[in-house]
Amino acid sequence: MGYQIRPEQSEDTARIRDLTTAAFAEAEHSSGTEGAIVDALRAAGALSVSLVATIESEVVGHVAFSPVTLNGVDLGWYGLGPVSVRPGLHGRGIGAALIRAGLERLNALDAKGCVVLGDPAYYPRFGFRHAPEIQYAGVPPEYFMALSLDGSKASGQVAYHSGFSAT
């Protein structure tokens, strides 16, 4: 059964929230607030890229990208996440396809780069690498990775949008 990837639509909002909540329900490092984070980013106009994967028009995956700052300055960098795939559909490439499509959208927006807080065994396949010059406080450094999209170098302390404090 194949899937399609498209930008989120207004009627997807509740489905994305439910999917995200279900996808993170069993996640070891989940805050349990990922659905609220996506809603808060959307409400603030900070959901720069929001794509869904559908199977027969049912939303089965979602990826979000939102702006981040480095040392308090917007340098054209974005944060990847959350990424959600319906439980039971993991391992079928849906999350990877969403991430790749999202990174293509960031390139189209002339984004300078992207950061992700996640599994260091998973994200390097997309080009993310631990970059000691870019930090995010309070997490083991190997779990925070960066990808320059334009070849430029960036450095500093990353701050995610305030929507990430949603509960």
C-alpha atoms as a PDB file:
ATOM      1  CA  MET A   1       0.000   0.000   0.000  1.00  0.00           C
ATOM      2  CA  GLY A   2       1.624   3.256  -1.164  1.00  0.00           C
ATOM      3  CA  TYR A   3       1.547   6.631   0.498  1.00  0.00           C
ATOM      4  CA  GLN A   4       1.378  10.182  -0.781  1.00  0.00           C
ATOM      5  CA  ILE A   5       3.082  13.243   0.720  1.00  0.00           C
ATOM      6  CA  ARG A   6       1.463  16.667   0.615  1.00  0.00           C
ATOM      7  CA  PRO A   7       1.339  19.919   2.610  1.00  0.00           C
ATOM      8  CA  GLU A   8      -1.007  19.843   5.584  1.00  0.00           C
ATOM      9  CA  GLN A   9      -4.484  21.251   5.020  1.00  0.00           C
ATOM     10  CA  SER A  10      -6.760  22.902   7.553  1.00  0.00           C
ATOM     11  CA  GLU A  11      -8.895  19.780   7.872  1.00  0.00           C
ATOM     12  CA  ASP A  12      -5.788  17.776   8.897  1.00  0.00           C
ATOM     13  CA  THR A  13      -5.228  19.641  12.182  1.00  0.00           C
ATOM     14  CA  ALA A  14      -7.071  17.258  14.529  1.00  0.00           C
ATOM     15  CA  ARG A  15      -5.730  14.203  12.691  1.00  0.00           C
ATOM     16  CA  ILE A  16      -2.166  15.490  13.010  1.00  0.00           C
ATOM     17  CA  ARG A  17      -2.635  16.094  16.752  1.00  0.00           C
ATOM     18  CA  ASP A  18      -4.075  12.590  17.287  1.00  0.00           C
ATOM     19  CA  LEU A  19      -1.390  10.972  15.143  1.00  0.00           C
ATOM     20  CA  THR A  20       1.410  12.830  16.917  1.00  0.00           C
ATOM     21  CA  THR A  21       0.050  11.936  20.346  1.00  0.00           C
ATOM     22  CA  ALA A  22      -0.251   8.257  19.370  1.00  0.00           C
ATOM     23  CA  ALA A  23       3.178   8.180  17.720  1.00  0.00           C
ATOM     24  CA  PHE A  24       4.918   9.510  20.824  1.00  0.00           C
ATOM     25  CA  ALA A  25       2.850   7.617  23.414  1.00  0.00           C
ATOM     26  CA  GLU A  26       5.449   4.868  23.731  1.00  0.00           C
ATOM     27  CA  ALA A  27       8.547   6.917  22.897  1.00  0.00           C
ATOM     28  CA  GLU A  28      11.227   6.665  25.546  1.00  0.00           C
ATOM     29  CA  HIS A  29      12.184  10.355  25.560  1.00  0.00           C
ATOM     30  CA  SER A  30       8.736  11.812  24.883  1.00  0.00           C
ATOM     31  CA  SER A  31       7.400  14.756  26.845  1.00  0.00           C
ATOM     32  CA  GLY A  32       3.848  13.770  25.929  1.00  0.00           C
ATOM     33  CA  THR A  33       3.326  17.306  24.619  1.00  0.00           C
ATOM     34  CA  GLU A  34       4.338  16.815  20.981  1.00  0.00           C
ATOM     35  CA  GLY A  35       0.770  17.240  19.669  1.00  0.00           C
ATOM     36  CA  ALA A  36       0.396  20.474  21.620  1.00  0.00           C
ATOM     37  CA  ILE A  37       3.755  21.675  20.277  1.00  0.00           C
ATOM     38  CA  VAL A  38       2.619  21.272  16.663  1.00  0.00           C
ATOM     39  CA  ASP A  39      -0.639  23.093  17.472  1.00  0.00           C
ATOM     40  CA  ALA A  40       1.258  25.927  19.199  1.00  0.00           C
ATOM     41  CA  LEU A  41       3.686  26.304  16.289  1.00  0.00           C
ATOM     42  CA  ARG A  42       0.774  26.432  13.853  1.00  0.00           C
ATOM     43  CA  ALA A  43      -1.122  28.986  15.974  1.00  0.00           C
ATOM     44  CA  ALA A  44       1.973  31.197  16.127  1.00  0.00           C
ATOM     45  CA  GLY A  45       2.551  31.025  12.374  1.00  0.00           C
ATOM     46  CA  ALA A  46       5.844  29.240  13.037  1.00  0.00           C
ATOM     47  CA  LEU A  47       5.071  25.958  11.297  1.00  0.00           C
ATOM     48  CA  SER A  48       7.254  26.833   8.316  1.00  0.00           C
ATOM     49  CA  VAL A  49       6.954  23.413   6.665  1.00  0.00           C
ATOM     50  CA  SER A  50       4.237  20.963   7.656  1.00  0.00           C
ATOM     51  CA  LEU A  51       3.797  17.863   5.512  1.00  0.00           C
ATOM     52  CA  VAL A  52       1.588  14.826   5.908  1.00  0.00           C
ATOM     53  CA  ALA A  53       1.792  11.333   4.489  1.00  0.00           C
ATOM     54  CA  THR A  54      -1.520   9.793   3.542  1.00  0.00           C
ATOM     55  CA  ILE A  55      -2.687   6.329   2.615  1.00  0.00           C
ATOM     56  CA  GLU A  56      -6.052   6.393   0.875  1.00  0.00           C
ATOM     57  CA  SER A  57      -6.585   9.958   2.217  1.00  0.00           C
ATOM     58  CA  GLU A  58      -5.917   8.888   5.842  1.00  0.00           C
ATOM     59  CA  VAL A  59      -3.136  10.868   7.552  1.00  0.00           C
ATOM     60  CA  VAL A  60      -0.500   8.333   8.660  1.00  0.00           C
ATOM     61  CA  GLY A  61       2.574  10.558   9.033  1.00  0.00           C
ATOM     62  CA  HIS A  62       3.552  14.145   9.727  1.00  0.00           C
ATOM     63  CA  VAL A  63       6.725  16.228   9.827  1.00  0.00           C
ATOM     64  CA  ALA A  64       7.166  19.759  11.135  1.00  0.00           C
ATOM     65  CA  PHE A  65       9.922  22.314  10.568  1.00  0.00           C
ATOM     66  CA  SER A  66      10.023  25.609  12.466  1.00  0.00           C
ATOM     67  CA  PRO A  67      12.521  28.470  12.756  1.00  0.00           C
ATOM     68  CA  VAL A  68      15.284  28.390  15.351  1.00  0.00           C
ATOM     69  CA  THR A  69      17.692  31.069  16.475  1.00  0.00           C
ATOM     70  CA  LEU A  70      21.428  30.856  17.116  1.00  0.00           C
ATOM     71  CA  ASN A  71      22.573  33.063  19.980  1.00  0.00           C
ATOM     72  CA  GLY A  72      19.196  34.786  19.767  1.00  0.00           C
ATOM     73  CA  VAL A  73      19.526  35.702  16.088  1.00  0.00           C
ATOM     74  CA  ASP A  74      17.468  34.369  13.173  1.00  0.00           C
ATOM     75  CA  LEU A  75      20.083  33.171  10.691  1.00  0.00           C
ATOM     76  CA  GLY A  76      17.700  31.274   8.421  1.00  0.00           C
ATOM     77  CA  TRP A  77      18.011  27.976  10.282  1.00  0.00           C
ATOM     78  CA  TYR A  78      15.158  25.617  11.124  1.00  0.00           C
ATOM     79  CA  GLY A  79      14.443  22.823  13.545  1.00  0.00           C
ATOM     80  CA  LEU A  80      13.150  19.465  12.374  1.00  0.00           C
ATOM     81  CA  GLY A  81      10.482  17.896  14.518  1.00  0.00           C
ATOM     82  CA  PRO A  82       8.338  16.446  15.646  1.00  0.00           C
ATOM     83  CA  VAL A  83       8.200  13.619  13.099  1.00  0.00           C
ATOM     84  CA  SER A  84       5.284  11.242  13.583  1.00  0.00           C
ATOM     85  CA  VAL A  85       4.332   7.978  11.912  1.00  0.00           C
ATOM     86  CA  ARG A  86       1.306   5.976  12.916  1.00  0.00           C
ATOM     87  CA  PRO A  87       2.233   3.065  15.175  1.00  0.00           C
ATOM     88  CA  GLY A  88       2.238  -0.125  13.140  1.00  0.00           C
ATOM     89  CA  LEU A  89       3.606   1.597  10.036  1.00  0.00           C
ATOM     90  CA  HIS A  90       7.177   2.140  11.235  1.00  0.00           C
ATOM     91  CA  GLY A  91       9.938   0.796   9.042  1.00  0.00           C
ATOM     92  CA  ARG A  92       8.115   1.466   5.762  1.00  0.00           C
ATOM     93  CA  GLY A  93      10.050   4.617   4.876  1.00  0.00           C
ATOM     94  CA  ILE A  94       7.220   7.038   5.620  1.00  0.00           C
ATOM     95  CA  GLY A  95       9.168   9.102   8.167  1.00  0.00           C
ATOM     96  CA  ALA A  96      12.261   9.178   5.950  1.00  0.00           C
ATOM     97  CA  ALA A  97      10.220  10.296   2.949  1.00  0.00           C
ATOM     98  CA  LEU A  98       8.602  13.058   5.014  1.00  0.00           C
ATOM     99  CA  ILE A  99      11.999  14.275   6.236  1.00  0.00           C
ATOM    100  CA  ARG A 100      13.484  14.279   2.729  1.00  0.00           C
ATOM    101  CA  ALA A 101      10.463  16.132   1.307  1.00  0.00           C
ATOM    102  CA  GLY A 102      10.652  18.646   4.154  1.00  0.00           C
ATOM    103  CA  LEU A 103      14.346  19.285   3.577  1.00  0.00           C
ATOM    104  CA  GLU A 104      13.565  19.887  -0.113  1.00  0.00           C
ATOM    105  CA  ARG A 105      10.956  22.462   0.950  1.00  0.00           C
ATOM    106  CA  LEU A 106      13.505  24.149   3.220  1.00  0.00           C
ATOM    107  CA  ASN A 107      15.906  24.369   0.281  1.00  0.00           C
ATOM    108  CA  ALA A 108      13.135  26.008  -1.748  1.00  0.00           C
ATOM    109  CA  LEU A 109      12.742  28.552   1.080  1.00  0.00           C
ATOM    110  CA  ASP A 110      16.494  29.324   0.831  1.00  0.00           C
ATOM    111  CA  ALA A 111      17.013  28.023   4.353  1.00  0.00           C
ATOM    112  CA  LYS A 112      20.615  28.091   5.530  1.00  0.00           C
ATOM    113  CA  GLY A 113      20.427  24.948   7.658  1.00  0.00           C
ATOM    114  CA  CYS A 114      18.488  22.657   9.923  1.00  0.00           C
ATOM    115  CA  VAL A 115      18.997  21.127  13.352  1.00  0.00           C
ATOM    116  CA  VAL A 116      17.461  18.056  14.916  1.00  0.00           C
ATOM    117  CA  LEU A 117      17.346  16.569  18.378  1.00  0.00           C
ATOM    118  CA  GLY A 118      17.118  12.844  17.849  1.00  0.00           C
ATOM    119  CA  ASP A 119      18.636   9.423  17.412  1.00  0.00           C
ATOM    120  CA  PRO A 120      22.276   9.680  16.276  1.00  0.00           C
ATOM    121  CA  ALA A 121      21.888   6.320  14.516  1.00  0.00           C
ATOM    122  CA  TYR A 122      18.963   7.549  12.378  1.00  0.00           C
ATOM    123  CA  TYR A 123      19.468  11.171  11.294  1.00  0.00           C
ATOM    124  CA  PRO A 124      22.938  10.957   9.673  1.00  0.00           C
ATOM    125  CA  ARG A 125      21.310   9.228   6.655  1.00  0.00           C
ATOM    126  CA  PHE A 126      19.858  12.668   5.811  1.00  0.00           C
ATOM    127  CA  GLY A 127      23.199  14.438   6.208  1.00  0.00           C
ATOM    128  CA  PHE A 128      22.818  15.529   9.830  1.00  0.00           C
ATOM    129  CA  ARG A 129      26.022  15.419  11.878  1.00  0.00           C
ATOM    130  CA  HIS A 130      27.010  16.297  15.396  1.00  0.00           C
ATOM    131  CA  ALA A 131      28.402  19.828  15.077  1.00  0.00           C
ATOM    132  CA  PRO A 132      30.172  20.891  18.282  1.00  0.00           C
ATOM    133  CA  GLU A 133      29.963  24.553  17.236  1.00  0.00           C
ATOM    134  CA  ILE A 134      26.150  24.394  17.406  1.00  0.00           C
ATOM    135  CA  GLN A 135      24.809  23.555  20.852  1.00  0.00           C
ATOM    136  CA  TYR A 136      21.513  22.863  22.519  1.00  0.00           C
ATOM    137  CA  ALA A 137      21.653  22.950  26.304  1.00  0.00           C
ATOM    138  CA  GLY A 138      20.551  20.095  28.498  1.00  0.00           C
ATOM    139  CA  VAL A 139      20.912  17.152  26.116  1.00  0.00           C
ATOM    140  CA  PRO A 140      23.788  14.774  25.400  1.00  0.00           C
ATOM    141  CA  PRO A 141      25.643  16.445  22.514  1.00  0.00           C
ATOM    142  CA  GLU A 142      25.590  13.377  20.245  1.00  0.00           C
ATOM    143  CA  TYR A 143      21.769  13.631  20.093  1.00  0.00           C
ATOM    144  CA  PHE A 144      21.845  17.168  18.708  1.00  0.00           C
ATOM    145  CA  MET A 145      22.819  17.362  15.041  1.00  0.00           C
ATOM    146  CA  ALA A 146      22.991  19.969  12.303  1.00  0.00           C
ATOM    147  CA  LEU A 147      22.831  20.056   8.526  1.00  0.00           C
ATOM    148  CA  SER A 148      24.031  23.058   6.527  1.00  0.00           C
ATOM    149  CA  LEU A 149      21.800  23.413   3.488  1.00  0.00           C
ATOM    150  CA  ASP A 150      23.807  26.121   1.744  1.00  0.00           C
ATOM    151  CA  GLY A 151      27.350  25.109   2.707  1.00  0.00           C
ATOM    152  CA  SER A 152      27.738  27.939   5.203  1.00  0.00           C
ATOM    153  CA  LYS A 153      28.955  27.479   8.750  1.00  0.00           C
ATOM    154  CA  ALA A 154      26.945  28.517  11.771  1.00  0.00           C
ATOM    155  CA  SER A 155      27.724  28.445  15.448  1.00  0.00           C
ATOM    156  CA  GLY A 156      26.082  29.224  18.727  1.00  0.00           C
ATOM    157  CA  GLN A 157      23.409  28.200  21.166  1.00  0.00           C
ATOM    158  CA  VAL A 158      20.179  27.060  19.475  1.00  0.00           C
ATOM    159  CA  ALA A 159      16.780  28.122  20.766  1.00  0.00           C
ATOM    160  CA  TYR A 160      13.604  26.575  19.446  1.00  0.00           C
ATOM    161  CA  HIS A 161      10.399  28.573  18.994  1.00  0.00           C
ATOM    162  CA  SER A 162       8.442  29.184  22.190  1.00  0.00           C
ATOM    163  CA  GLY A 163       5.783  26.789  20.858  1.00  0.00           C
ATOM    164  CA  PHE A 164       8.040  23.978  22.070  1.00  0.00           C
ATOM    165  CA  SER A 165       7.098  24.885  25.646  1.00  0.00           C
ATOM    166  CA  ALA A 166       3.420  24.063  24.977  1.00  0.00           C
ATOM    167  CA  THR A 167       1.770  21.552  27.271  1.00  0.00           C
END
